[in-house]
C-alpha atoms as a PDB file:
ATOM      1  CA  MET A   1      67.591  67.007  63.170  1.00  0.00           C
ATOM      2  CA  THR A   2      70.343  67.383  65.572  1.00  0.00           C
ATOM      3  CA  LYS A   3      73.400  64.650  64.922  1.00  0.00           C
ATOM      4  CA  ASP A   4      74.276  62.664  67.971  1.00  0.00           C
ATOM      5  CA  ILE A   5      77.220  63.715  69.984  1.00  0.00           C
ATOM      6  CA  THR A   6      79.503  60.713  71.156  1.00  0.00           C
ATOM      7  CA  ILE A   7      82.895  60.485  72.783  1.00  0.00           C
ATOM      8  CA  PHE A   8      84.524  60.550  69.603  1.00  0.00           C
ATOM      9  CA  ASP A   9      83.170  64.334  69.096  1.00  0.00           C
ATOM     10  CA  ILE A  10      84.480  65.271  72.528  1.00  0.00           C
ATOM     11  CA  VAL A  11      87.841  63.857  72.648  1.00  0.00           C
ATOM     12  CA  THR A  12      89.324  65.052  69.715  1.00  0.00           C
ATOM     13  CA  ASP A  13      93.110  63.441  70.372  1.00  0.00           C
ATOM     14  CA  SER A  14      93.987  60.700  67.955  1.00  0.00           C
ATOM     15  CA  TYR A  15      95.965  58.539  70.951  1.00  0.00           C
ATOM     16  CA  LEU A  16      93.017  58.943  72.976  1.00  0.00           C
ATOM     17  CA  HIS A  17      90.769  57.669  69.985  1.00  0.00           C
ATOM     18  CA  SER A  18      93.108  54.687  69.390  1.00  0.00           C
ATOM     19  CA  VAL A  19      92.365  54.255  73.214  1.00  0.00           C
ATOM     20  CA  LEU A  20      88.879  54.725  72.816  1.00  0.00           C
ATOM     21  CA  ASP A  21      88.742  52.247  69.766  1.00  0.00           C
ATOM     22  CA  VAL A  22      90.713  49.279  71.456  1.00  0.00           C
ATOM     23  CA  SER A  23      88.281  49.541  74.798  1.00  0.00           C
ATOM     24  CA  ALA A  24      85.161  49.503  72.542  1.00  0.00           C
ATOM     25  CA  LEU A  25      86.831  46.231  71.232  1.00  0.00           C
ATOM     26  CA  THR A  26      87.818  44.934  74.342  1.00  0.00           C
ATOM     27  CA  HIS A  27      83.653  45.970  75.819  1.00  0.00           C
ATOM     28  CA  GLU A  28      82.686  44.075  72.030  1.00  0.00           C
ATOM     29  CA  GLN A  29      85.062  40.762  72.731  1.00  0.00           C
ATOM     30  CA  CYS A  30      83.658  40.677  76.831  1.00  0.00           C
ATOM     31  CA  VAL A  31      80.031  40.765  75.372  1.00  0.00           C
ATOM     32  CA  LYS A  32      80.467  38.694  73.301  1.00  0.00           C
ATOM     33  CA  LEU A  33      82.290  35.869  75.547  1.00  0.00           C
ATOM     34  CA  SER A  34      79.663  36.845  77.844  1.00  0.00           C
ATOM     35  CA  ASP A  35      76.976  35.671  75.092  1.00  0.00           C
ATOM     36  CA  LEU A  36      79.115  32.518  74.074  1.00  0.00           C
ATOM     37  CA  ALA A  37      78.560  31.414  77.094  1.00  0.00           C
ATOM     38  CA  ALA A  38      75.084  32.341  77.801  1.00  0.00           C
ATOM     39  CA  ALA A  39      73.387  31.368  74.941  1.00  0.00           C
ATOM     40  CA  SER A  40      74.666  27.459  74.796  1.00  0.00           C
ATOM     41  CA  THR A  41      72.815  24.871  76.494  1.00  0.00           C
ATOM     42  CA  GLU A  42      75.733  23.019  76.705  1.00  0.00           C
ATOM     43  CA  ARG A  43      79.402  23.827  77.685  1.00  0.00           C
ATOM     44  CA  PRO A  44      80.938  25.700  74.446  1.00  0.00           C
ATOM     45  CA  SER A  45      83.639  24.379  72.969  1.00  0.00           C
ATOM     46  CA  ARG A  46      87.009  24.925  74.036  1.00  0.00           C
ATOM     47  CA  GLY A  47      88.495  25.723  71.120  1.00  0.00           C
ATOM     48  CA  ASP A  48      86.062  28.943  69.884  1.00  0.00           C
ATOM     49  CA  PHE A  49      86.110  29.829  73.648  1.00  0.00           C
ATOM     50  CA  ALA A  50      89.681  29.537  73.745  1.00  0.00           C
ATOM     51  CA  LYS A  51      90.073  31.634  70.601  1.00  0.00           C
ATOM     52  CA  GLN A  52      87.740  34.121  72.215  1.00  0.00           C
ATOM     53  CA  GLN A  53      89.358  34.416  75.558  1.00  0.00           C
ATOM     54  CA  LYS A  54      92.693  34.743  74.042  1.00  0.00           C
ATOM     55  CA  LEU A  55      91.408  37.754  71.873  1.00  0.00           C
ATOM     56  CA  LEU A  56      90.178  39.389  74.615  1.00  0.00           C
ATOM     57  CA  HIS A  57      93.608  38.823  76.595  1.00  0.00           C
ATOM     58  CA  ALA A  58      95.411  40.212  73.458  1.00  0.00           C
ATOM     59  CA  TYR A  59      93.008  43.549  73.655  1.00  0.00           C
ATOM     60  CA  ILE A  60      93.230  43.998  77.782  1.00  0.00           C
ATOM     61  CA  SER A  61      97.148  43.833  76.752  1.00  0.00           C
ATOM     62  CA  GLN A  62      97.320  46.900  74.560  1.00  0.00           C
ATOM     63  CA  LEU A  63      95.127  48.470  76.620  1.00  0.00           C
ATOM     64  CA  ARG A  64      97.343  47.818  79.559  1.00  0.00           C
ATOM     65  CA  THR A  65     100.509  48.971  77.240  1.00  0.00           C
ATOM     66  CA  LEU A  66      98.404  52.148  76.224  1.00  0.00           C
ATOM     67  CA  ASN A  67      97.520  53.170  79.763  1.00  0.00           C
ATOM     68  CA  PHE A  68     101.257  52.881  80.497  1.00  0.00           C
ATOM     69  CA  GLU A  69     102.029  54.724  77.745  1.00  0.00           C
ATOM     70  CA  ALA A  70      99.191  57.332  78.663  1.00  0.00           C
ATOM     71  CA  ILE A  71     100.135  57.510  82.032  1.00  0.00           C
ATOM     72  CA  LEU A  72     104.433  58.330  80.644  1.00  0.00           C
ATOM     73  CA  GLN A  73     102.981  60.494  78.166  1.00  0.00           C
ATOM     74  CA  VAL A  74     101.318  62.718  81.738  1.00  0.00           C
ATOM     75  CA  ARG A  75     104.186  62.402  83.113  1.00  0.00           C
ATOM     76  CA  GLN A  76     106.052  64.335  80.335  1.00  0.00           C
ATOM     77  CA  SER A  77     103.115  66.671  79.582  1.00  0.00           C
ATOM     78  CA  LYS A  78     102.910  67.436  83.788  1.00  0.00           C
ATOM     79  CA  GLN A  79     107.035  67.788  83.712  1.00  0.00           C
ATOM     80  CA  ALA A  80     106.794  70.326  80.269  1.00  0.00           C
ATOM     81  CA  THR A  81     103.871  72.733  81.768  1.00  0.00           C
ATOM     82  CA  ALA A  82     106.370  72.582  85.222  1.00  0.00           C
ATOM     83  CA  ASP A  83     109.018  73.814  82.808  1.00  0.00           C
ATOM     84  CA  ALA A  84     107.315  75.956  80.979  1.00  0.00           C
ATOM     85  CA  ARG A  85     105.385  77.728  84.231  1.00  0.00           C
ATOM     86  CA  GLN A  86     109.213  78.046  85.647  1.00  0.00           C
ATOM     87  CA  GLU A  87     110.312  80.020  82.007  1.00  0.00           C
ATOM     88  CA  VAL A  88     107.005  81.975  82.326  1.00  0.00           C
ATOM     89  CA  ASP A  89     107.830  82.903  86.149  1.00  0.00           C
ATOM     90  CA  ARG A  90     111.401  83.271  84.673  1.00  0.00           C
ATOM     91  CA  LEU A  91     110.422  85.909  82.248  1.00  0.00           C
ATOM     92  CA  TYR A  92     107.826  87.610  84.500  1.00  0.00           C
ATOM     93  CA  LEU A  93     110.442  88.624  87.193  1.00  0.00           C
ATOM     94  CA  GLN A  94     112.792  89.886  84.338  1.00  0.00           C
ATOM     95  CA  LEU A  95     110.159  91.900  82.700  1.00  0.00           C
ATOM     96  CA  GLN A  96     109.171  93.765  86.492  1.00  0.00           C
ATOM     97  CA  ASN A  97     112.914  94.234  86.967  1.00  0.00           C
ATOM     98  CA  LEU A  98     112.903  95.610  83.261  1.00  0.00           C
ATOM     99  CA  ASP A  99     110.225  98.013  84.235  1.00  0.00           C
ATOM    100  CA  TYR A 100     111.681  98.850  87.791  1.00  0.00           C
ATOM    101  CA  GLN A 101     114.880 100.083  85.449  1.00  0.00           C
ATOM    102  CA  GLN A 102     112.900 101.435  83.418  1.00  0.00           C
ATOM    103  CA  LEU A 103     110.764 103.574  86.022  1.00  0.00           C
ATOM    104  CA  TYR A 104     114.526 104.496  87.942  1.00  0.00           C
ATOM    105  CA  LEU A 105     115.767 105.437  84.434  1.00  0.00           C
ATOM    106  CA  ARG A 106     113.100 107.619  83.762  1.00  0.00           C
ATOM    107  CA  MET A 107     113.313 109.586  87.228  1.00  0.00           C
ATOM    108  CA  GLU A 108     116.893 110.297  86.964  1.00  0.00           C
ATOM    109  CA  ILE A 109     116.593 111.401  82.777  1.00  0.00           C
ATOM    110  CA  ALA A 110     113.661 114.110  84.940  1.00  0.00           C
ATOM    111  CA  ALA A 111     115.824 115.031  87.783  1.00  0.00           C
ATOM    112  CA  CYS A 112     118.381 115.802  85.534  1.00  0.00           C
ATOM    113  CA  GLU A 113     116.145 117.566  82.916  1.00  0.00           C
ATOM    114  CA  ALA A 114     114.833 119.420  86.113  1.00  0.00           C
ATOM    115  CA  TYR A 115     118.733 120.120  87.849  1.00  0.00           C
ATOM    116  CA  ASP A 116     119.637 123.761  88.028  1.00  0.00           C
ATOM    117  CA  HIS A 117     122.988 123.435  85.647  1.00  0.00           C
ATOM    118  CA  LYS A 118     125.495 126.813  86.077  1.00  0.00           C
ATOM    119  CA  TYR A 119     125.665 126.762  82.694  1.00  0.00           C
ATOM    120  CA  GLN A 120     122.305 127.869  82.460  1.00  0.00           C
ATOM    121  CA  HIS A 121     123.139 131.242  84.082  1.00  0.00           C
ATOM    122  CA  LEU A 122     126.071 131.700  82.062  1.00  0.00           C
ATOM    123  CA  SER A 123     125.719 135.131  80.567  1.00  0.00           C
ATOM    124  CA  LEU A 124     126.070 133.595  77.056  1.00  0.00           C
ATOM    125  CA  ALA A 125     126.192 135.251  73.603  1.00  0.00           C
ATOM    126  CA  PRO A 126     122.691 134.737  71.880  1.00  0.00           C
ATOM    127  CA  VAL A 127     123.115 132.603  69.421  1.00  0.00           C
ATOM    128  CA  GLU A 128     122.145 134.617  66.618  1.00  0.00           C
ATOM    129  CA  GLU A 129     125.493 136.737  67.433  1.00  0.00           C
ATOM    130  CA  PHE A 130     127.582 132.856  68.018  1.00  0.00           C
ATOM    131  CA  LEU A 131     126.514 131.950  64.648  1.00  0.00           C
ATOM    132  CA  GLN A 132     127.103 134.967  62.966  1.00  0.00           C
ATOM    133  CA  ARG A 133     130.957 134.633  64.188  1.00  0.00           C
ATOM    134  CA  HIS A 134     130.324 130.667  63.738  1.00  0.00           C
ATOM    135  CA  PRO A 135     128.608 130.462  60.527  1.00  0.00           C
ATOM    136  CA  GLU A 136     130.250 126.786  60.418  1.00  0.00           C
ATOM    137  CA  LEU A 137     128.161 125.535  63.244  1.00  0.00           C
ATOM    138  CA  ALA A 138     124.805 126.605  61.880  1.00  0.00           C
ATOM    139  CA  GLU A 139     123.663 122.620  61.098  1.00  0.00           C
ATOM    140  CA  ALA A 140     125.053 121.715  64.919  1.00  0.00           C
ATOM    141  CA  ASP A 141     122.053 120.374  67.004  1.00  0.00           C
ATOM    142  CA  GLU A 142     121.203 122.448  70.264  1.00  0.00           C
ATOM    143  CA  ASN A 143     123.669 120.467  72.734  1.00  0.00           C
ATOM    144  CA  ALA A 144     126.940 121.064  70.239  1.00  0.00           C
ATOM    145  CA  LEU A 145     126.113 124.615  70.078  1.00  0.00           C
ATOM    146  CA  MET A 146     125.651 125.222  73.632  1.00  0.00           C
ATOM    147  CA  ILE A 147     129.023 123.404  74.295  1.00  0.00           C
ATOM    148  CA  ALA A 148     130.601 125.415  71.543  1.00  0.00           C
ATOM    149  CA  ARG A 149     129.325 128.754  73.167  1.00  0.00           C
ATOM    150  CA  ILE A 150     130.804 127.741  76.639  1.00  0.00           C
ATOM    151  CA  HIS A 151     133.830 127.745  75.121  1.00  0.00           C
ATOM    152  CA  GLU A 152     133.601 130.495  73.429  1.00  0.00           C
ATOM    153  CA  GLU A 153     132.629 132.045  76.688  1.00  0.00           C
ATOM    154  CA  HIS A 154     135.377 130.735  78.571  1.00  0.00           C
ATOM    155  CA  ALA A 155     138.015 131.850  76.208  1.00  0.00           C
ATOM    156  CA  GLN A 156     136.752 135.004  76.225  1.00  0.00           C
ATOM    157  CA  ARG A 157     136.791 135.228  80.077  1.00  0.00           C
ATOM    158  CA  GLU A 158     140.381 133.430  80.447  1.00  0.00           C
ATOM    159  CA  ALA A 159     141.401 136.637  77.347  1.00  0.00           C
ATOM    160  CA  LEU A 160     139.777 139.307  80.112  1.00  0.00           C
ATOM    161  CA  GLU A 161     141.346 137.701  82.594  1.00  0.00           C
ATOM    162  CA  GLN A 162     144.935 138.095  81.306  1.00  0.00           C
ATOM    163  CA  ALA A 163     143.760 141.270  80.739  1.00  0.00           C
ATOM    164  CA  ARG A 164     143.027 142.344  84.392  1.00  0.00           C
ATOM    165  CA  GLN A 165     145.966 140.180  85.583  1.00  0.00           C
ATOM    166  CA  GLY A 166     148.208 142.784  82.922  1.00  0.00           C
ATOM    167  CA  LEU A 167     146.657 145.723  84.235  1.00  0.00           C
ATOM    168  CA  LEU A 168     147.025 144.939  87.739  1.00  0.00           C
ATOM    169  CA  LYS A 169     150.208 144.675  87.610  1.00  0.00           C
ATOM    170  CA  ARG A 170     150.578 147.994  85.845  1.00  0.00           C
ATOM    171  CA  LYS A 171     148.428 149.810  88.393  1.00  0.00           C
ATOM    172  CA  GLN A 172     150.955 147.995  91.164  1.00  0.00           C
ATOM    173  CA  GLY A 173     153.992 149.226  88.796  1.00  0.00           C
ATOM    174  CA  LEU A 174     152.680 152.634  88.902  1.00  0.00           C
ATOM    175  CA  ILE A 175     151.758 152.969  92.266  1.00  0.00           C
ATOM    176  CA  ALA A 176     155.370 151.672  93.240  1.00  0.00           C
ATOM    177  CA  GLU A 177     156.923 154.166  90.737  1.00  0.00           C
ATOM    178  CA  ASN A 178     154.391 157.160  92.446  1.00  0.00           C
ATOM    179  CA  LYS A 179     155.397 156.128  95.959  1.00  0.00           C
ATOM    180  CA  LYS A 180     159.265 156.045  95.044  1.00  0.00           C
ATOM    181  CA  ARG A 181     158.265 159.870  93.600  1.00  0.00           C
ATOM    182  CA  ARG A 182     156.639 160.806  96.732  1.00  0.00           C
ATOM    183  CA  ASP A 183     159.741 159.510  98.769  1.00  0.00           C
ATOM    184  CA  ASP A 184     162.065 160.971  96.269  1.00  0.00           C
ATOM    185  CA  LEU A 185     160.267 164.973  96.824  1.00  0.00           C
ATOM    186  CA  ALA A 186     160.207 164.306 100.762  1.00  0.00           C
ATOM    187  CA  ASN A 187     163.747 163.366 100.329  1.00  0.00           C
ATOM    188  CA  LEU A 188     164.600 166.342  98.333  1.00  0.00           C
ATOM    189  CA  ASP A 189     162.136 168.634 101.144  1.00  0.00           C
ATOM    190  CA  ARG A 190     164.409 167.497 103.571  1.00  0.00           C
ATOM    191  CA  ASP A 191     167.412 168.726 101.915  1.00  0.00           C
ATOM    192  CA  LEU A 192     165.906 171.929 100.967  1.00  0.00           C
ATOM    193  CA  GLU A 193     165.200 172.860 104.332  1.00  0.00           C
ATOM    194  CA  LYS A 194     168.719 171.775 105.488  1.00  0.00           C
ATOM    195  CA  PHE A 195     170.074 173.790 103.141  1.00  0.00           C
ATOM    196  CA  ILE A 196     168.111 176.889 104.073  1.00  0.00           C
ATOM    197  CA  ASP A 197     168.973 175.988 107.506  1.00  0.00           C
ATOM    198  CA  ALA A 198     172.691 176.142 106.743  1.00  0.00           C
ATOM    199  CA  ALA A 199     172.516 179.735 104.592  1.00  0.00           C
ATOM    200  CA  LYS A 200     171.000 181.729 107.592  1.00  0.00           C
ATOM    201  CA  PRO A 201     174.231 182.691 108.781  1.00  0.00           C
ATOM    202  CA  ILE A 202     175.557 183.249 105.832  1.00  0.00           C
ATOM    203  CA  GLN A 203     172.297 185.510 105.075  1.00  0.00           C
ATOM    204  CA  LYS A 204     172.915 187.476 108.549  1.00  0.00           C
ATOM    205  CA  ILE A 205     176.438 188.275 107.775  1.00  0.00           C
ATOM    206  CA  LEU A 206     175.022 189.552 104.176  1.00  0.00           C
ATOM    207  CA  GLU A 207     172.207 191.666 105.921  1.00  0.00           C
ATOM    208  CA  ASN A 208     174.829 193.465 108.560  1.00  0.00           C
ATOM    209  CA  SER A 209     177.274 194.362 105.982  1.00  0.00           C
ATOM    210  CA  LEU A 210     174.870 196.256 103.900  1.00  0.00           C
END
């Protein structure tokens, strides 16, 4: 046999239970006053009726107080619900902003990873060869190792550039020196031709005397 469900089984809030209790007492008191008035063929005793009526007024006053408190609680619950909803909306917007920021950062990271960096086209020394020269970097991570290889390549290229500049200056010096020698030889040729031209009359005199 199933148990009959009562209002107290449906309503679980303790405050509402107190309201239902007072409401039930008020209803019983109303029925009692009604029965008291109807059962007596004569006019009911003023003392008993006034006592019962006073008790009914007390129950009604208690119900009014509980009703007023219930209204205040409803207002407070509505305000708390509105505040909670506002906080939820704020957190939701904050979560959306974080999602957008995360998406933006992922796109930026993907763009950086796909970017065709110039250092990727440098003719760097192989890692094995580099580590043979720098064994202290054997435990370095990939980024630190790449930076060290780039620095080494930069130093080597600077040394080669300095050597090239030195060879270029030496070449320019040799060119200038060769030009000076050519000029000196040209001047010597001109002087020799002048000497030969000046010696021709003397040669004729010597030829005639013979």
